[in-house]
N, C-alpha and C. Protein backbone atom coordinates (compact mmCIF):
# COMPACT_ATOMS: atom_id res chain seq x y z
N MET A 1 46.01 49.65 -58.82
CA MET A 1 44.97 48.74 -59.20
C MET A 1 45.47 47.31 -59.21
N GLU A 2 46.69 47.18 -59.65
CA GLU A 2 47.28 45.86 -59.73
C GLU A 2 47.44 45.24 -58.33
N SER A 3 47.73 46.04 -57.33
CA SER A 3 47.86 45.53 -55.96
C SER A 3 46.49 45.09 -55.42
N PHE A 4 45.43 45.80 -55.85
CA PHE A 4 44.09 45.42 -55.46
C PHE A 4 43.73 44.05 -56.03
N LEU A 5 44.07 43.81 -57.27
CA LEU A 5 43.82 42.52 -57.90
C LEU A 5 44.63 41.41 -57.22
N GLU A 6 45.84 41.73 -56.84
CA GLU A 6 46.67 40.75 -56.13
C GLU A 6 46.05 40.38 -54.78
N LEU A 7 45.53 41.41 -54.08
CA LEU A 7 44.88 41.16 -52.80
C LEU A 7 43.61 40.33 -52.98
N MET A 8 42.86 40.60 -54.02
CA MET A 8 41.64 39.86 -54.30
C MET A 8 41.95 38.40 -54.62
N LYS A 9 43.06 38.16 -55.29
CA LYS A 9 43.46 36.79 -55.60
C LYS A 9 43.72 36.00 -54.31
N ILE A 10 44.15 36.72 -53.29
CA ILE A 10 44.45 36.06 -52.02
C ILE A 10 43.20 35.94 -51.16
N PHE A 11 42.45 37.04 -51.00
CA PHE A 11 41.31 37.06 -50.09
C PHE A 11 40.06 36.36 -50.61
N LEU A 12 39.81 36.42 -51.90
CA LEU A 12 38.61 35.79 -52.45
C LEU A 12 38.59 34.27 -52.21
N PRO A 13 39.67 33.55 -52.51
CA PRO A 13 39.65 32.11 -52.19
C PRO A 13 39.54 31.85 -50.67
N ALA A 14 40.17 32.70 -49.87
CA ALA A 14 40.12 32.53 -48.42
C ALA A 14 38.68 32.71 -47.92
N ILE A 15 37.99 33.71 -48.45
CA ILE A 15 36.60 33.96 -48.06
C ILE A 15 35.72 32.79 -48.50
N LEU A 16 35.91 32.28 -49.68
CA LEU A 16 35.14 31.13 -50.16
C LEU A 16 35.37 29.89 -49.29
N VAL A 17 36.62 29.65 -48.93
CA VAL A 17 36.93 28.51 -48.07
C VAL A 17 36.26 28.70 -46.70
N PHE A 18 36.31 29.92 -46.15
CA PHE A 18 35.69 30.20 -44.86
C PHE A 18 34.19 29.92 -44.90
N PHE A 19 33.47 30.44 -45.89
CA PHE A 19 32.02 30.23 -45.96
C PHE A 19 31.66 28.78 -46.22
N THR A 20 32.46 28.10 -47.01
CA THR A 20 32.21 26.68 -47.25
C THR A 20 32.36 25.89 -45.94
N ALA A 21 33.42 26.16 -45.20
CA ALA A 21 33.64 25.49 -43.92
C ALA A 21 32.52 25.83 -42.93
N PHE A 22 32.11 27.10 -42.90
CA PHE A 22 31.05 27.54 -42.01
C PHE A 22 29.75 26.79 -42.31
N ILE A 23 29.38 26.71 -43.57
CA ILE A 23 28.14 26.00 -43.97
C ILE A 23 28.25 24.52 -43.63
N PHE A 24 29.40 23.92 -43.89
CA PHE A 24 29.60 22.51 -43.58
C PHE A 24 29.42 22.24 -42.09
N PHE A 25 30.06 23.05 -41.23
CA PHE A 25 29.96 22.84 -39.78
C PHE A 25 28.55 23.12 -39.25
N GLU A 26 27.85 24.07 -39.83
CA GLU A 26 26.45 24.33 -39.45
C GLU A 26 25.59 23.10 -39.71
N LYS A 27 25.76 22.49 -40.87
CA LYS A 27 24.98 21.29 -41.22
C LYS A 27 25.31 20.14 -40.28
N GLN A 28 26.57 19.99 -39.93
CA GLN A 28 26.99 18.92 -39.03
C GLN A 28 26.37 19.10 -37.64
N GLN A 29 26.33 20.34 -37.15
CA GLN A 29 25.76 20.59 -35.83
C GLN A 29 24.26 20.30 -35.82
N LYS A 30 23.59 20.60 -36.90
CA LYS A 30 22.16 20.33 -36.97
C LYS A 30 21.89 18.84 -36.99
N LYS A 31 22.78 18.05 -37.59
CA LYS A 31 22.61 16.60 -37.65
C LYS A 31 22.83 15.96 -36.29
N GLN A 32 23.80 16.45 -35.54
CA GLN A 32 24.14 15.87 -34.24
C GLN A 32 23.53 16.71 -33.13
N PRO A 33 22.55 16.14 -32.40
CA PRO A 33 21.94 16.93 -31.33
C PRO A 33 22.94 17.20 -30.22
N SER A 34 22.77 18.31 -29.60
CA SER A 34 23.67 18.66 -28.50
C SER A 34 23.33 17.79 -27.29
N PRO A 35 24.28 17.59 -26.39
CA PRO A 35 24.01 16.77 -25.20
C PRO A 35 22.85 17.33 -24.37
N VAL A 36 22.71 18.63 -24.30
CA VAL A 36 21.62 19.23 -23.54
C VAL A 36 20.28 18.91 -24.19
N LYS A 37 20.21 19.05 -25.51
CA LYS A 37 18.97 18.75 -26.22
C LYS A 37 18.64 17.27 -26.09
N GLU A 38 19.67 16.42 -26.19
CA GLU A 38 19.45 14.98 -26.05
C GLU A 38 18.92 14.64 -24.66
N LYS A 39 19.47 15.28 -23.63
CA LYS A 39 19.01 15.04 -22.27
C LYS A 39 17.56 15.51 -22.11
N ASN A 40 17.24 16.65 -22.66
CA ASN A 40 15.87 17.16 -22.59
C ASN A 40 14.91 16.22 -23.29
N ASP A 41 15.33 15.66 -24.42
CA ASP A 41 14.49 14.71 -25.14
C ASP A 41 14.25 13.46 -24.29
N LYS A 42 15.29 12.98 -23.63
CA LYS A 42 15.15 11.80 -22.76
C LYS A 42 14.20 12.10 -21.61
N ILE A 43 14.32 13.28 -21.04
CA ILE A 43 13.45 13.66 -19.93
C ILE A 43 12.00 13.70 -20.40
N LYS A 44 11.78 14.23 -21.59
CA LYS A 44 10.41 14.31 -22.12
C LYS A 44 9.81 12.92 -22.32
N ILE A 45 10.64 11.94 -22.59
CA ILE A 45 10.15 10.58 -22.82
C ILE A 45 10.06 9.80 -21.51
N VAL A 46 11.09 9.87 -20.70
CA VAL A 46 11.18 9.02 -19.51
C VAL A 46 10.35 9.55 -18.34
N LEU A 47 10.29 10.84 -18.15
CA LEU A 47 9.57 11.39 -17.00
C LEU A 47 8.10 10.97 -16.97
N PRO A 48 7.36 11.03 -18.07
CA PRO A 48 5.97 10.54 -18.01
C PRO A 48 5.88 9.06 -17.67
N LEU A 49 6.84 8.27 -18.14
CA LEU A 49 6.83 6.84 -17.81
C LEU A 49 7.10 6.63 -16.33
N GLN A 50 8.03 7.40 -15.79
CA GLN A 50 8.32 7.29 -14.36
C GLN A 50 7.11 7.69 -13.52
N LEU A 51 6.48 8.78 -13.89
CA LEU A 51 5.32 9.24 -13.12
C LEU A 51 4.19 8.21 -13.19
N LYS A 52 4.01 7.60 -14.35
CA LYS A 52 2.98 6.57 -14.49
C LYS A 52 3.32 5.36 -13.60
N ALA A 53 4.60 5.02 -13.52
CA ALA A 53 5.02 3.90 -12.67
C ALA A 53 4.72 4.20 -11.20
N TYR A 54 5.05 5.40 -10.75
CA TYR A 54 4.76 5.77 -9.37
C TYR A 54 3.26 5.74 -9.12
N GLU A 55 2.51 6.25 -10.06
CA GLU A 55 1.05 6.25 -9.93
C GLU A 55 0.51 4.82 -9.80
N ARG A 56 0.98 3.94 -10.67
CA ARG A 56 0.50 2.56 -10.64
C ARG A 56 0.89 1.85 -9.35
N LEU A 57 2.08 2.14 -8.84
CA LEU A 57 2.50 1.48 -7.60
C LEU A 57 1.76 2.03 -6.38
N VAL A 58 1.40 3.30 -6.40
CA VAL A 58 0.57 3.83 -5.32
C VAL A 58 -0.80 3.17 -5.38
N ILE A 59 -1.35 3.03 -6.58
CA ILE A 59 -2.64 2.36 -6.73
C ILE A 59 -2.54 0.92 -6.24
N PHE A 60 -1.44 0.25 -6.60
CA PHE A 60 -1.23 -1.14 -6.13
C PHE A 60 -1.25 -1.20 -4.61
N THR A 61 -0.48 -0.35 -3.95
CA THR A 61 -0.40 -0.41 -2.49
C THR A 61 -1.75 -0.05 -1.85
N GLU A 62 -2.47 0.86 -2.46
CA GLU A 62 -3.80 1.19 -1.94
C GLU A 62 -4.78 0.02 -2.13
N ARG A 63 -4.67 -0.66 -3.25
CA ARG A 63 -5.59 -1.76 -3.55
C ARG A 63 -5.34 -2.99 -2.67
N ILE A 64 -4.10 -3.16 -2.18
CA ILE A 64 -3.84 -4.34 -1.35
C ILE A 64 -4.03 -4.07 0.14
N LYS A 65 -4.45 -2.87 0.48
CA LYS A 65 -4.78 -2.61 1.89
C LYS A 65 -5.98 -3.49 2.24
N PRO A 66 -5.95 -4.13 3.41
CA PRO A 66 -7.02 -5.05 3.77
C PRO A 66 -8.43 -4.48 3.65
N ASN A 67 -8.64 -3.25 4.13
CA ASN A 67 -10.00 -2.71 4.04
C ASN A 67 -10.44 -2.51 2.59
N SER A 68 -9.51 -2.14 1.73
CA SER A 68 -9.82 -1.98 0.31
C SER A 68 -10.14 -3.33 -0.33
N MET A 69 -9.33 -4.34 -0.01
CA MET A 69 -9.58 -5.67 -0.58
C MET A 69 -10.92 -6.23 -0.12
N ILE A 70 -11.22 -6.04 1.15
CA ILE A 70 -12.47 -6.58 1.68
C ILE A 70 -13.67 -5.94 0.97
N MET A 71 -13.61 -4.63 0.81
CA MET A 71 -14.71 -3.93 0.14
C MET A 71 -14.85 -4.38 -1.31
N ARG A 72 -13.75 -4.62 -1.96
CA ARG A 72 -13.75 -4.96 -3.38
C ARG A 72 -14.05 -6.44 -3.63
N LEU A 73 -13.57 -7.32 -2.77
CA LEU A 73 -13.61 -8.75 -3.06
C LEU A 73 -14.67 -9.54 -2.31
N ASN A 74 -15.08 -9.06 -1.15
CA ASN A 74 -15.98 -9.85 -0.32
C ASN A 74 -17.36 -9.98 -0.97
N SER A 75 -17.88 -11.18 -0.89
CA SER A 75 -19.22 -11.48 -1.36
C SER A 75 -19.98 -12.12 -0.20
N PRO A 76 -21.26 -11.86 -0.07
CA PRO A 76 -22.01 -12.46 1.04
C PRO A 76 -21.97 -13.99 1.01
N ASN A 77 -21.74 -14.57 -0.14
CA ASN A 77 -21.72 -16.03 -0.28
C ASN A 77 -20.39 -16.66 0.13
N PHE A 78 -19.34 -15.84 0.26
CA PHE A 78 -18.01 -16.39 0.55
C PHE A 78 -17.90 -16.86 1.99
N ASN A 79 -17.22 -18.01 2.14
CA ASN A 79 -16.80 -18.38 3.48
C ASN A 79 -15.39 -17.83 3.67
N SER A 80 -14.81 -18.03 4.84
CA SER A 80 -13.50 -17.44 5.12
C SER A 80 -12.41 -17.95 4.18
N GLY A 81 -12.47 -19.23 3.85
CA GLY A 81 -11.46 -19.80 2.96
C GLY A 81 -11.53 -19.20 1.56
N GLN A 82 -12.75 -19.01 1.06
CA GLN A 82 -12.90 -18.43 -0.27
C GLN A 82 -12.41 -16.98 -0.30
N LEU A 83 -12.77 -16.22 0.72
CA LEU A 83 -12.31 -14.82 0.78
C LEU A 83 -10.80 -14.75 0.90
N GLN A 84 -10.24 -15.64 1.72
CA GLN A 84 -8.79 -15.65 1.87
C GLN A 84 -8.11 -15.94 0.53
N LEU A 85 -8.60 -16.94 -0.19
CA LEU A 85 -8.02 -17.25 -1.49
C LEU A 85 -8.15 -16.09 -2.47
N GLU A 86 -9.29 -15.44 -2.46
CA GLU A 86 -9.50 -14.29 -3.35
C GLU A 86 -8.54 -13.15 -3.02
N CYS A 87 -8.33 -12.91 -1.73
CA CYS A 87 -7.41 -11.84 -1.32
C CYS A 87 -5.97 -12.17 -1.72
N LEU A 88 -5.55 -13.39 -1.45
CA LEU A 88 -4.19 -13.80 -1.81
C LEU A 88 -3.98 -13.72 -3.32
N LYS A 89 -4.97 -14.20 -4.06
CA LYS A 89 -4.90 -14.17 -5.52
C LYS A 89 -4.83 -12.73 -6.03
N ALA A 90 -5.65 -11.86 -5.48
CA ALA A 90 -5.69 -10.46 -5.92
C ALA A 90 -4.35 -9.77 -5.66
N ILE A 91 -3.76 -10.01 -4.51
CA ILE A 91 -2.47 -9.39 -4.18
C ILE A 91 -1.40 -9.85 -5.17
N ARG A 92 -1.34 -11.15 -5.40
CA ARG A 92 -0.33 -11.68 -6.31
C ARG A 92 -0.53 -11.18 -7.73
N GLU A 93 -1.76 -11.17 -8.19
CA GLU A 93 -2.03 -10.71 -9.56
C GLU A 93 -1.71 -9.22 -9.73
N GLU A 94 -2.10 -8.43 -8.75
CA GLU A 94 -1.80 -6.99 -8.81
C GLU A 94 -0.28 -6.77 -8.85
N PHE A 95 0.43 -7.52 -8.03
CA PHE A 95 1.89 -7.38 -7.98
C PHE A 95 2.51 -7.77 -9.32
N GLU A 96 2.10 -8.91 -9.85
CA GLU A 96 2.64 -9.37 -11.13
C GLU A 96 2.33 -8.38 -12.25
N HIS A 97 1.17 -7.76 -12.18
CA HIS A 97 0.78 -6.78 -13.19
C HIS A 97 1.70 -5.55 -13.16
N ASN A 98 2.25 -5.27 -12.00
CA ASN A 98 3.07 -4.06 -11.83
C ASN A 98 4.56 -4.34 -11.70
N LEU A 99 4.99 -5.55 -12.00
CA LEU A 99 6.41 -5.90 -11.86
C LEU A 99 7.34 -5.00 -12.67
N SER A 100 6.95 -4.65 -13.85
CA SER A 100 7.84 -3.86 -14.72
C SER A 100 8.06 -2.44 -14.20
N MET A 101 7.25 -2.00 -13.26
CA MET A 101 7.39 -0.64 -12.74
C MET A 101 8.66 -0.45 -11.93
N GLN A 102 9.27 -1.56 -11.52
CA GLN A 102 10.50 -1.45 -10.72
C GLN A 102 11.62 -0.79 -11.51
N MET A 103 11.52 -0.78 -12.83
CA MET A 103 12.55 -0.15 -13.65
C MET A 103 12.62 1.37 -13.42
N TYR A 104 11.54 1.95 -12.98
CA TYR A 104 11.45 3.40 -12.90
C TYR A 104 11.58 3.97 -11.50
N ILE A 105 11.69 3.11 -10.49
CA ILE A 105 11.78 3.61 -9.13
C ILE A 105 13.10 3.15 -8.51
N SER A 106 13.44 3.72 -7.37
CA SER A 106 14.70 3.35 -6.73
C SER A 106 14.60 1.92 -6.17
N GLU A 107 15.74 1.31 -6.02
CA GLU A 107 15.81 -0.06 -5.49
C GLU A 107 15.26 -0.11 -4.06
N LYS A 108 15.57 0.90 -3.29
CA LYS A 108 15.11 0.94 -1.90
C LYS A 108 13.59 1.00 -1.83
N THR A 109 12.98 1.81 -2.66
CA THR A 109 11.51 1.93 -2.66
C THR A 109 10.89 0.64 -3.17
N TRP A 110 11.49 0.03 -4.18
CA TRP A 110 10.96 -1.23 -4.70
C TRP A 110 10.97 -2.31 -3.61
N ARG A 111 12.05 -2.34 -2.80
CA ARG A 111 12.11 -3.30 -1.71
C ARG A 111 10.95 -3.09 -0.73
N HIS A 112 10.60 -1.84 -0.47
CA HIS A 112 9.50 -1.56 0.44
C HIS A 112 8.15 -1.93 -0.18
N VAL A 113 8.01 -1.76 -1.48
CA VAL A 113 6.77 -2.18 -2.15
C VAL A 113 6.63 -3.70 -2.04
N LYS A 114 7.74 -4.42 -2.28
CA LYS A 114 7.70 -5.88 -2.15
C LYS A 114 7.42 -6.30 -0.70
N ALA A 115 8.03 -5.60 0.24
CA ALA A 115 7.80 -5.92 1.65
C ALA A 115 6.35 -5.66 2.04
N ALA A 116 5.76 -4.62 1.47
CA ALA A 116 4.34 -4.33 1.74
C ALA A 116 3.47 -5.46 1.22
N LYS A 117 3.80 -5.96 0.04
CA LYS A 117 3.06 -7.09 -0.52
C LYS A 117 3.19 -8.30 0.38
N GLU A 118 4.42 -8.64 0.77
CA GLU A 118 4.66 -9.82 1.60
C GLU A 118 3.98 -9.68 2.97
N GLU A 119 4.05 -8.50 3.54
CA GLU A 119 3.44 -8.27 4.84
C GLU A 119 1.91 -8.43 4.75
N THR A 120 1.34 -7.96 3.66
CA THR A 120 -0.11 -8.08 3.49
C THR A 120 -0.51 -9.53 3.23
N LEU A 121 0.28 -10.25 2.44
CA LEU A 121 0.01 -11.68 2.24
C LEU A 121 0.03 -12.41 3.58
N GLU A 122 1.03 -12.10 4.38
CA GLU A 122 1.17 -12.74 5.69
C GLU A 122 -0.01 -12.39 6.60
N LEU A 123 -0.44 -11.14 6.55
CA LEU A 123 -1.57 -10.71 7.36
C LEU A 123 -2.82 -11.50 6.99
N VAL A 124 -3.06 -11.70 5.70
CA VAL A 124 -4.23 -12.46 5.25
C VAL A 124 -4.13 -13.91 5.72
N LYS A 125 -2.94 -14.48 5.61
CA LYS A 125 -2.75 -15.87 6.04
C LYS A 125 -2.96 -16.03 7.54
N ILE A 126 -2.40 -15.14 8.32
CA ILE A 126 -2.55 -15.21 9.78
C ILE A 126 -4.01 -15.03 10.18
N ALA A 127 -4.66 -14.05 9.55
CA ALA A 127 -6.08 -13.83 9.86
C ALA A 127 -6.90 -15.07 9.50
N GLY A 128 -6.55 -15.72 8.40
CA GLY A 128 -7.23 -16.95 8.00
C GLY A 128 -7.04 -18.06 9.00
N SER A 129 -5.88 -18.11 9.62
CA SER A 129 -5.61 -19.16 10.61
C SER A 129 -6.31 -18.88 11.95
N LYS A 130 -6.74 -17.65 12.16
CA LYS A 130 -7.38 -17.28 13.43
C LYS A 130 -8.89 -17.51 13.43
N VAL A 131 -9.46 -17.74 12.25
CA VAL A 131 -10.91 -17.99 12.21
C VAL A 131 -11.16 -19.48 11.99
N ALA A 132 -12.32 -19.91 12.38
CA ALA A 132 -12.69 -21.33 12.22
C ALA A 132 -12.77 -21.67 10.73
N PRO A 133 -12.44 -22.92 10.36
CA PRO A 133 -12.44 -23.32 8.95
C PRO A 133 -13.75 -23.04 8.19
N GLY A 134 -14.87 -23.16 8.82
CA GLY A 134 -16.15 -22.95 8.13
C GLY A 134 -16.73 -21.57 8.35
N ALA A 135 -15.94 -20.64 8.89
CA ALA A 135 -16.45 -19.31 9.23
C ALA A 135 -16.84 -18.54 7.98
N SER A 136 -17.59 -17.51 8.17
CA SER A 136 -18.04 -16.70 7.04
C SER A 136 -16.91 -15.76 6.59
N GLY A 137 -17.09 -15.22 5.40
CA GLY A 137 -16.14 -14.24 4.90
C GLY A 137 -16.10 -13.01 5.79
N LEU A 138 -17.23 -12.69 6.38
CA LEU A 138 -17.30 -11.53 7.28
C LEU A 138 -16.41 -11.75 8.50
N ASP A 139 -16.35 -12.98 9.00
CA ASP A 139 -15.48 -13.28 10.14
C ASP A 139 -14.01 -13.07 9.77
N LEU A 140 -13.65 -13.52 8.58
CA LEU A 140 -12.27 -13.31 8.12
C LEU A 140 -11.99 -11.82 7.94
N ALA A 141 -12.94 -11.10 7.38
CA ALA A 141 -12.76 -9.66 7.19
C ALA A 141 -12.52 -8.97 8.53
N LYS A 142 -13.29 -9.33 9.53
CA LYS A 142 -13.11 -8.75 10.86
C LYS A 142 -11.74 -9.10 11.42
N ALA A 143 -11.32 -10.34 11.24
CA ALA A 143 -10.00 -10.77 11.72
C ALA A 143 -8.89 -10.02 11.00
N MET A 144 -9.04 -9.81 9.70
CA MET A 144 -8.02 -9.08 8.93
C MET A 144 -7.92 -7.64 9.42
N LEU A 145 -9.06 -7.00 9.62
CA LEU A 145 -9.05 -5.60 10.06
C LEU A 145 -8.50 -5.48 11.48
N ALA A 146 -8.83 -6.42 12.34
CA ALA A 146 -8.30 -6.40 13.71
C ALA A 146 -6.78 -6.60 13.69
N LEU A 147 -6.32 -7.53 12.88
CA LEU A 147 -4.89 -7.79 12.79
C LEU A 147 -4.15 -6.59 12.19
N GLU A 148 -4.76 -5.96 11.22
CA GLU A 148 -4.14 -4.76 10.64
C GLU A 148 -4.04 -3.65 11.68
N ALA A 149 -5.07 -3.49 12.49
CA ALA A 149 -5.05 -2.47 13.54
C ALA A 149 -3.95 -2.77 14.56
N GLU A 150 -3.73 -4.05 14.83
CA GLU A 150 -2.67 -4.46 15.76
C GLU A 150 -1.29 -4.19 15.21
N THR A 151 -1.08 -4.58 13.96
CA THR A 151 0.27 -4.52 13.37
C THR A 151 0.55 -3.22 12.63
N ASN A 152 -0.47 -2.48 12.30
CA ASN A 152 -0.37 -1.22 11.54
C ASN A 152 0.11 -1.40 10.10
N ASN A 153 0.43 -2.61 9.71
CA ASN A 153 0.87 -2.89 8.33
C ASN A 153 1.81 -1.79 7.84
N THR A 154 2.88 -1.57 8.56
CA THR A 154 3.76 -0.43 8.37
C THR A 154 4.39 -0.33 6.99
N HIS A 155 4.68 -1.45 6.36
CA HIS A 155 5.33 -1.39 5.06
C HIS A 155 4.45 -0.76 3.99
N LEU A 156 3.14 -0.95 4.11
CA LEU A 156 2.24 -0.31 3.13
C LEU A 156 2.36 1.21 3.20
N ASP A 157 2.24 1.75 4.40
CA ASP A 157 2.33 3.19 4.56
C ASP A 157 3.72 3.71 4.20
N LEU A 158 4.73 2.97 4.58
CA LEU A 158 6.10 3.38 4.26
C LEU A 158 6.33 3.37 2.75
N ALA A 159 5.84 2.34 2.08
CA ALA A 159 5.99 2.27 0.62
C ALA A 159 5.28 3.44 -0.06
N ILE A 160 4.07 3.74 0.37
CA ILE A 160 3.33 4.86 -0.22
C ILE A 160 4.06 6.18 0.02
N ASN A 161 4.54 6.37 1.24
CA ASN A 161 5.27 7.61 1.54
C ASN A 161 6.55 7.73 0.73
N MET A 162 7.26 6.63 0.54
CA MET A 162 8.49 6.67 -0.25
C MET A 162 8.18 6.96 -1.72
N LEU A 163 7.12 6.36 -2.24
CA LEU A 163 6.72 6.62 -3.63
C LEU A 163 6.38 8.10 -3.80
N LYS A 164 5.64 8.65 -2.88
CA LYS A 164 5.28 10.06 -2.96
C LYS A 164 6.51 10.96 -2.86
N ALA A 165 7.43 10.62 -1.98
CA ALA A 165 8.63 11.42 -1.82
C ALA A 165 9.48 11.40 -3.09
N GLU A 166 9.58 10.23 -3.73
CA GLU A 166 10.36 10.16 -4.97
C GLU A 166 9.72 10.98 -6.08
N VAL A 167 8.40 10.99 -6.13
CA VAL A 167 7.71 11.80 -7.13
C VAL A 167 8.01 13.28 -6.88
N GLN A 168 7.99 13.67 -5.62
CA GLN A 168 8.27 15.07 -5.31
C GLN A 168 9.68 15.48 -5.74
N THR A 169 10.65 14.58 -5.59
CA THR A 169 12.01 14.92 -6.03
C THR A 169 12.09 14.96 -7.55
N LEU A 170 11.27 14.17 -8.22
CA LEU A 170 11.27 14.19 -9.69
C LEU A 170 10.70 15.48 -10.25
N ILE A 171 9.63 15.95 -9.66
CA ILE A 171 8.96 17.11 -10.24
C ILE A 171 9.46 18.44 -9.71
N HIS A 172 10.32 18.42 -8.71
CA HIS A 172 10.87 19.69 -8.20
C HIS A 172 12.31 19.82 -8.52
């Protein structure tokens, strides 16, 4: 019996120390999130923001397409100069509204979005120079659509395709 008591004197404190350490380390692990959990939390927060950015930039590129702008901005009262100014203003405002979206997309795709904007601005300016100063807005619209058909405005389509491709890599 005495040997049993001697063993208990040794094992009982050891068992208490073990359980105390176990409880302490359990609490510490609960306080500090694991790297996997932290990454999952970041994905849950950032992924919706990224998808929203891609969505907004696709909308931007669709809205600055000449046929879309003409349908949205043209008024029967506009002359060519007024329509040209409205188109240029709309492109710049749309772009400025979406500037912060560059944080969520690749640098290469952002460059193509900017190039699409610049190419469309240039298309509107060139079309404006091809019509007579007092021409109607309809004349400018026709010139813009003809010029777009000639040049294909490739950066717009390329930017949209790149945005879509990046979304596909995000969700798959």
